[in-house]
Amino acid sequence: AAEAVDAGLVVHLPYGAPHESLAASDADLRAESMAWYEQNILAAAAAGATKAVVHVETDADSPHLAEADPAMLYETLETLDARADDAGITLCVENLPNRYPSLDDLRQLVEATDVALTVDTGHARVNGFAFEEIVAFVADHHDRIAHFHLNDTRRARDEHLPFGAGDVAFGELFAALGSGWSGTLTTEINTFDYDYIRFSGEKLRD
């Protein structure tokens, strides 16, 4: 389908299941998660994808483990990032709502690893970041941001409105990237009405 319309592919790796916990406290579960993600990365590469968005999930017993033991997480991510790179995939860690990692956590990850980032605008707002803070983060780390989830919202909720229907000032966000940025953008919209999706794409291109 992508070839038919000359489209590229960015994939979102699966998340949430027990064997998809890169930041689990149990070493065996982390190893199982690593193997699972490697399989999905290879599948993404075979489909022609160039980027893969990943959630850093913990296990249920240690929801804040990544904050308590970041060295373990950074090592895991560096290893997975290297294997993704070997497959021709750019691994992009996403900021998440109400759990690790927030934008502040991504700042630390940038300092400790070479992994690329996905910034989700709605997730950032859920975590209490003012729009000015999101723009400042983008300005500071535009060289590490490879992908965006353009999650429009009218409040501090994960609303996923059609692009432009909320109050996120995307023009300011894009300006903070500078003229040389060459990453990718996804409009994340909670709808099965493709007219909204098509119109959102037109507004984004404008």
C-alpha atoms as a PDB file:
ATOM      1  CA  ALA A   1       0.000   0.000   0.000  1.00  0.00           C
ATOM      2  CA  ALA A   2       2.837   2.390   0.827  1.00  0.00           C
ATOM      3  CA  GLU A   3       4.581   1.667  -2.458  1.00  0.00           C
ATOM      4  CA  ALA A   4       1.377   2.365  -4.364  1.00  0.00           C
ATOM      5  CA  VAL A   5       1.327   5.977  -3.144  1.00  0.00           C
ATOM      6  CA  ASP A   6       5.099   6.444  -2.821  1.00  0.00           C
ATOM      7  CA  ALA A   7       4.880   6.793   0.975  1.00  0.00           C
ATOM      8  CA  GLY A   8       7.493   6.110   3.594  1.00  0.00           C
ATOM      9  CA  LEU A   9       6.819   4.228   6.814  1.00  0.00           C
ATOM     10  CA  VAL A  10       7.318   5.078  10.470  1.00  0.00           C
ATOM     11  CA  VAL A  11       6.232   2.301  12.821  1.00  0.00           C
ATOM     12  CA  HIS A  12       5.146   2.316  16.440  1.00  0.00           C
ATOM     13  CA  LEU A  13       6.537  -0.700  18.270  1.00  0.00           C
ATOM     14  CA  PRO A  14       4.092  -2.660  20.464  1.00  0.00           C
ATOM     15  CA  TYR A  15       3.924  -1.896  24.167  1.00  0.00           C
ATOM     16  CA  GLY A  16       2.187  -2.803  27.404  1.00  0.00           C
ATOM     17  CA  ALA A  17       2.448  -6.590  27.539  1.00  0.00           C
ATOM     18  CA  PRO A  18       4.695  -8.198  30.192  1.00  0.00           C
ATOM     19  CA  HIS A  19       7.293  -9.201  27.595  1.00  0.00           C
ATOM     20  CA  GLU A  20       7.463  -5.616  26.298  1.00  0.00           C
ATOM     21  CA  SER A  21       9.140  -4.088  29.366  1.00  0.00           C
ATOM     22  CA  LEU A  22      12.556  -2.698  28.518  1.00  0.00           C
ATOM     23  CA  ALA A  23      12.875  -1.150  31.986  1.00  0.00           C
ATOM     24  CA  ALA A  24      11.722  -4.189  33.973  1.00  0.00           C
ATOM     25  CA  SER A  25      13.524  -4.888  37.235  1.00  0.00           C
ATOM     26  CA  ASP A  26      13.883  -8.575  36.341  1.00  0.00           C
ATOM     27  CA  ALA A  27      16.907  -9.277  34.121  1.00  0.00           C
ATOM     28  CA  ASP A  28      15.222 -12.215  32.361  1.00  0.00           C
ATOM     29  CA  LEU A  29      12.183 -10.089  31.515  1.00  0.00           C
ATOM     30  CA  ARG A  30      14.434  -7.349  30.161  1.00  0.00           C
ATOM     31  CA  ALA A  31      16.217  -9.916  27.977  1.00  0.00           C
ATOM     32  CA  GLU A  32      12.876 -11.269  26.753  1.00  0.00           C
ATOM     33  CA  SER A  33      11.738  -7.739  25.985  1.00  0.00           C
ATOM     34  CA  MET A  34      14.940  -7.029  24.085  1.00  0.00           C
ATOM     35  CA  ALA A  35      14.467 -10.128  21.934  1.00  0.00           C
ATOM     36  CA  TRP A  36      10.829  -9.226  21.300  1.00  0.00           C
ATOM     37  CA  TYR A  37      11.698  -5.698  20.226  1.00  0.00           C
ATOM     38  CA  GLU A  38      14.481  -6.952  17.977  1.00  0.00           C
ATOM     39  CA  GLN A  39      11.946  -9.153  16.160  1.00  0.00           C
ATOM     40  CA  ASN A  40       9.614  -6.200  15.683  1.00  0.00           C
ATOM     41  CA  ILE A  41      12.432  -3.948  14.482  1.00  0.00           C
ATOM     42  CA  LEU A  42      13.452  -6.540  11.890  1.00  0.00           C
ATOM     43  CA  ALA A  43       9.819  -6.816  10.767  1.00  0.00           C
ATOM     44  CA  ALA A  44       9.634  -3.027  10.460  1.00  0.00           C
ATOM     45  CA  ALA A  45      12.822  -2.970   8.407  1.00  0.00           C
ATOM     46  CA  ALA A  46      11.507  -5.711   6.138  1.00  0.00           C
ATOM     47  CA  ALA A  47       8.405  -3.590   5.502  1.00  0.00           C
ATOM     48  CA  GLY A  48      10.591  -0.660   4.499  1.00  0.00           C
ATOM     49  CA  ALA A  49      10.234   1.471   7.610  1.00  0.00           C
ATOM     50  CA  THR A  50      13.008   3.888   8.525  1.00  0.00           C
ATOM     51  CA  LYS A  51      11.987   4.787  12.096  1.00  0.00           C
ATOM     52  CA  ALA A  52      10.477   2.977  15.062  1.00  0.00           C
ATOM     53  CA  VAL A  53       8.873   4.700  18.051  1.00  0.00           C
ATOM     54  CA  VAL A  54       9.322   2.910  21.368  1.00  0.00           C
ATOM     55  CA  HIS A  55       7.743   3.222  24.816  1.00  0.00           C
ATOM     56  CA  VAL A  56      10.064   2.588  27.738  1.00  0.00           C
ATOM     57  CA  GLU A  57       7.829   0.378  29.884  1.00  0.00           C
ATOM     58  CA  THR A  58       8.558  -0.856  33.405  1.00  0.00           C
ATOM     59  CA  ASP A  59       7.041  -3.881  35.108  1.00  0.00           C
ATOM     60  CA  ALA A  60       3.973  -3.529  37.308  1.00  0.00           C
ATOM     61  CA  ASP A  61       5.992  -3.909  40.526  1.00  0.00           C
ATOM     62  CA  SER A  62       8.390  -1.070  39.750  1.00  0.00           C
ATOM     63  CA  PRO A  63       6.585   1.739  37.919  1.00  0.00           C
ATOM     64  CA  HIS A  64       9.414   4.191  38.651  1.00  0.00           C
ATOM     65  CA  LEU A  65      12.333   1.826  38.202  1.00  0.00           C
ATOM     66  CA  ALA A  66      13.775   3.779  35.306  1.00  0.00           C
ATOM     67  CA  GLU A  67      14.089   6.820  37.549  1.00  0.00           C
ATOM     68  CA  ALA A  68      15.648   4.788  40.360  1.00  0.00           C
ATOM     69  CA  ASP A  69      18.154   2.909  38.198  1.00  0.00           C
ATOM     70  CA  PRO A  70      18.709   4.910  35.007  1.00  0.00           C
ATOM     71  CA  ALA A  71      22.076   3.308  34.224  1.00  0.00           C
ATOM     72  CA  MET A  72      20.376  -0.041  33.588  1.00  0.00           C
ATOM     73  CA  LEU A  73      17.833   1.569  31.291  1.00  0.00           C
ATOM     74  CA  TYR A  74      20.398   3.598  29.366  1.00  0.00           C
ATOM     75  CA  GLU A  75      22.501   0.492  28.731  1.00  0.00           C
ATOM     76  CA  THR A  76      19.430  -1.399  27.499  1.00  0.00           C
ATOM     77  CA  LEU A  77      18.414   1.429  25.176  1.00  0.00           C
ATOM     78  CA  GLU A  78      21.935   1.841  23.796  1.00  0.00           C
ATOM     79  CA  THR A  79      22.037  -1.864  22.960  1.00  0.00           C
ATOM     80  CA  LEU A  80      18.629  -1.826  21.272  1.00  0.00           C
ATOM     81  CA  ASP A  81      19.500   1.384  19.449  1.00  0.00           C
ATOM     82  CA  ALA A  82      22.653  -0.194  18.023  1.00  0.00           C
ATOM     83  CA  ARG A  83      20.721  -3.225  16.804  1.00  0.00           C
ATOM     84  CA  ALA A  84      18.064  -1.018  15.259  1.00  0.00           C
ATOM     85  CA  ASP A  85      20.788   0.967  13.511  1.00  0.00           C
ATOM     86  CA  ASP A  86      22.203  -2.266  12.080  1.00  0.00           C
ATOM     87  CA  ALA A  87      18.734  -2.928  10.598  1.00  0.00           C
ATOM     88  CA  GLY A  88      18.551   0.552   9.090  1.00  0.00           C
ATOM     89  CA  ILE A  89      16.013   1.770  11.653  1.00  0.00           C
ATOM     90  CA  THR A  90      16.204   4.927  13.767  1.00  0.00           C
ATOM     91  CA  LEU A  91      14.901   4.104  17.252  1.00  0.00           C
ATOM     92  CA  CYS A  92      12.914   6.993  18.798  1.00  0.00           C
ATOM     93  CA  VAL A  93      12.019   7.043  22.510  1.00  0.00           C
ATOM     94  CA  GLU A  94       8.666   8.750  23.166  1.00  0.00           C
ATOM     95  CA  ASN A  95       7.684  10.888  26.154  1.00  0.00           C
ATOM     96  CA  LEU A  96       4.698   9.296  27.907  1.00  0.00           C
ATOM     97  CA  PRO A  97       1.744  10.636  29.930  1.00  0.00           C
ATOM     98  CA  ASN A  98       1.720  10.120  33.705  1.00  0.00           C
ATOM     99  CA  ARG A  99       4.697   7.791  33.686  1.00  0.00           C
ATOM    100  CA  TYR A 100       8.347   7.588  32.675  1.00  0.00           C
ATOM    101  CA  PRO A 101       9.693   9.249  30.610  1.00  0.00           C
ATOM    102  CA  SER A 102       8.554  12.870  30.735  1.00  0.00           C
ATOM    103  CA  LEU A 103      10.276  15.640  28.798  1.00  0.00           C
ATOM    104  CA  ASP A 104      12.566  16.177  31.813  1.00  0.00           C
ATOM    105  CA  ASP A 105      13.494  12.489  31.712  1.00  0.00           C
ATOM    106  CA  LEU A 106      14.261  12.809  28.000  1.00  0.00           C
ATOM    107  CA  ARG A 107      16.695  15.619  28.807  1.00  0.00           C
ATOM    108  CA  GLN A 108      18.645  13.168  30.969  1.00  0.00           C
ATOM    109  CA  LEU A 109      18.402  10.467  28.321  1.00  0.00           C
ATOM    110  CA  VAL A 110      19.892  12.843  25.740  1.00  0.00           C
ATOM    111  CA  GLU A 111      22.882  13.408  28.003  1.00  0.00           C
ATOM    112  CA  ALA A 112      23.420   9.703  28.733  1.00  0.00           C
ATOM    113  CA  THR A 113      22.726   8.033  25.355  1.00  0.00           C
ATOM    114  CA  ASP A 114      22.719   8.606  21.602  1.00  0.00           C
ATOM    115  CA  VAL A 115      19.101   7.447  21.169  1.00  0.00           C
ATOM    116  CA  ALA A 116      16.796   9.669  19.114  1.00  0.00           C
ATOM    117  CA  LEU A 117      13.534  11.093  20.459  1.00  0.00           C
ATOM    118  CA  THR A 118       9.847  11.248  19.595  1.00  0.00           C
ATOM    119  CA  VAL A 119       8.038  14.212  21.148  1.00  0.00           C
ATOM    120  CA  ASP A 120       4.296  13.811  21.747  1.00  0.00           C
ATOM    121  CA  THR A 121       2.754  17.244  22.304  1.00  0.00           C
ATOM    122  CA  GLY A 122      -0.365  15.957  24.049  1.00  0.00           C
ATOM    123  CA  HIS A 123       1.600  13.704  26.405  1.00  0.00           C
ATOM    124  CA  ALA A 124       3.740  16.662  27.402  1.00  0.00           C
ATOM    125  CA  ARG A 125       0.655  18.695  28.276  1.00  0.00           C
ATOM    126  CA  VAL A 126      -0.805  15.801  30.311  1.00  0.00           C
ATOM    127  CA  ASN A 127       2.402  15.872  32.362  1.00  0.00           C
ATOM    128  CA  GLY A 128       1.876  19.536  33.164  1.00  0.00           C
ATOM    129  CA  PHE A 129       4.301  21.154  30.739  1.00  0.00           C
ATOM    130  CA  ALA A 130       3.198  24.573  29.538  1.00  0.00           C
ATOM    131  CA  PHE A 131       3.398  25.099  25.795  1.00  0.00           C
ATOM    132  CA  GLU A 132       6.298  27.496  26.264  1.00  0.00           C
ATOM    133  CA  GLU A 133       8.211  24.701  28.020  1.00  0.00           C
ATOM    134  CA  ILE A 134       7.531  22.290  25.162  1.00  0.00           C
ATOM    135  CA  VAL A 135       8.816  24.849  22.653  1.00  0.00           C
ATOM    136  CA  ALA A 136      11.927  25.416  24.804  1.00  0.00           C
ATOM    137  CA  PHE A 137      12.578  21.655  24.906  1.00  0.00           C
ATOM    138  CA  VAL A 138      12.299  21.461  21.121  1.00  0.00           C
ATOM    139  CA  ALA A 139      14.650  24.419  20.678  1.00  0.00           C
ATOM    140  CA  ASP A 140      17.206  22.832  23.022  1.00  0.00           C
ATOM    141  CA  HIS A 141      17.070  19.318  21.534  1.00  0.00           C
ATOM    142  CA  HIS A 142      15.974  19.709  17.912  1.00  0.00           C
ATOM    143  CA  ASP A 143      19.107  17.884  16.804  1.00  0.00           C
ATOM    144  CA  ARG A 144      18.009  14.747  18.701  1.00  0.00           C
ATOM    145  CA  ILE A 145      14.287  14.848  17.873  1.00  0.00           C
ATOM    146  CA  ALA A 146      13.689  12.554  14.904  1.00  0.00           C
ATOM    147  CA  HIS A 147       9.906  12.355  15.027  1.00  0.00           C
ATOM    148  CA  PHE A 148       6.816  14.121  16.389  1.00  0.00           C
ATOM    149  CA  HIS A 149       3.388  12.909  17.397  1.00  0.00           C
ATOM    150  CA  LEU A 150       1.271  15.968  16.635  1.00  0.00           C
ATOM    151  CA  ASN A 151      -1.337  15.330  19.306  1.00  0.00           C
ATOM    152  CA  ASP A 152      -3.564  18.407  19.360  1.00  0.00           C
ATOM    153  CA  THR A 153      -5.500  19.171  22.532  1.00  0.00           C
ATOM    154  CA  ARG A 154      -7.522  21.889  24.221  1.00  0.00           C
ATOM    155  CA  ARG A 155      -6.455  21.047  27.759  1.00  0.00           C
ATOM    156  CA  ALA A 156      -4.037  18.864  29.732  1.00  0.00           C
ATOM    157  CA  ARG A 157      -5.527  15.663  28.315  1.00  0.00           C
ATOM    158  CA  ASP A 158      -4.525  13.107  25.693  1.00  0.00           C
ATOM    159  CA  GLU A 159      -7.268  14.228  23.308  1.00  0.00           C
ATOM    160  CA  HIS A 160      -5.792  13.463  19.857  1.00  0.00           C
ATOM    161  CA  LEU A 161      -7.906  16.084  18.098  1.00  0.00           C
ATOM    162  CA  PRO A 162      -7.710  16.757  14.352  1.00  0.00           C
ATOM    163  CA  PHE A 163      -4.693  18.910  13.583  1.00  0.00           C
ATOM    164  CA  GLY A 164      -5.521  22.544  14.292  1.00  0.00           C
ATOM    165  CA  ALA A 165      -8.704  21.769  16.271  1.00  0.00           C
ATOM    166  CA  GLY A 166      -6.962  22.293  19.611  1.00  0.00           C
ATOM    167  CA  ASP A 167      -4.921  25.177  20.949  1.00  0.00           C
ATOM    168  CA  VAL A 168      -1.403  23.833  20.428  1.00  0.00           C
ATOM    169  CA  ALA A 169       0.512  26.533  18.529  1.00  0.00           C
ATOM    170  CA  PHE A 170       2.301  24.202  16.145  1.00  0.00           C
ATOM    171  CA  GLY A 171       3.736  27.083  14.137  1.00  0.00           C
ATOM    172  CA  GLU A 172       5.825  28.145  17.135  1.00  0.00           C
ATOM    173  CA  LEU A 173       6.872  24.539  17.676  1.00  0.00           C
ATOM    174  CA  PHE A 174       8.063  24.174  14.082  1.00  0.00           C
ATOM    175  CA  ALA A 175       9.882  27.504  14.241  1.00  0.00           C
ATOM    176  CA  ALA A 176      11.846  26.213  17.235  1.00  0.00           C
ATOM    177  CA  LEU A 177      13.193  23.377  15.059  1.00  0.00           C
ATOM    178  CA  GLY A 178      15.119  25.732  12.820  1.00  0.00           C
ATOM    179  CA  SER A 179      15.378  25.596   9.050  1.00  0.00           C
ATOM    180  CA  GLY A 180      17.689  22.589   8.867  1.00  0.00           C
ATOM    181  CA  TRP A 181      15.518  20.034  10.654  1.00  0.00           C
ATOM    182  CA  SER A 182      14.611  17.023   8.516  1.00  0.00           C
ATOM    183  CA  GLY A 183      12.645  14.681  10.774  1.00  0.00           C
ATOM    184  CA  THR A 184       9.152  13.255  10.378  1.00  0.00           C
ATOM    185  CA  LEU A 185       5.704  14.161  11.707  1.00  0.00           C
ATOM    186  CA  THR A 186       2.642  12.067  12.528  1.00  0.00           C
ATOM    187  CA  THR A 187      -0.813  13.565  13.010  1.00  0.00           C
ATOM    188  CA  GLU A 188      -2.309  11.435  15.800  1.00  0.00           C
ATOM    189  CA  ILE A 189      -6.082  11.670  15.530  1.00  0.00           C
ATOM    190  CA  ASN A 190      -8.716   9.627  17.377  1.00  0.00           C
ATOM    191  CA  THR A 191     -11.142   9.161  14.511  1.00  0.00           C
ATOM    192  CA  PHE A 192     -12.154   6.645  11.865  1.00  0.00           C
ATOM    193  CA  ASP A 193     -13.368   9.460   9.608  1.00  0.00           C
ATOM    194  CA  TYR A 194     -10.684   9.820   6.952  1.00  0.00           C
ATOM    195  CA  ASP A 195     -11.968  13.260   5.966  1.00  0.00           C
ATOM    196  CA  TYR A 196     -10.640  14.611   9.278  1.00  0.00           C
ATOM    197  CA  ILE A 197      -7.323  12.873   8.665  1.00  0.00           C
ATOM    198  CA  ARG A 198      -7.084  14.189   5.094  1.00  0.00           C
ATOM    199  CA  PHE A 199      -7.952  17.721   6.184  1.00  0.00           C
ATOM    200  CA  SER A 200      -5.421  17.528   9.006  1.00  0.00           C
ATOM    201  CA  GLY A 201      -2.738  16.592   6.497  1.00  0.00           C
ATOM    202  CA  GLU A 202      -3.653  19.585   4.348  1.00  0.00           C
ATOM    203  CA  LYS A 203      -3.482  21.949   7.334  1.00  0.00           C
ATOM    204  CA  LEU A 204      -0.144  20.482   8.379  1.00  0.00           C
ATOM    205  CA  ARG A 205       1.318  21.002   4.900  1.00  0.00           C
ATOM    206  CA  ASP A 206       0.039  24.595   4.918  1.00  0.00           C
END
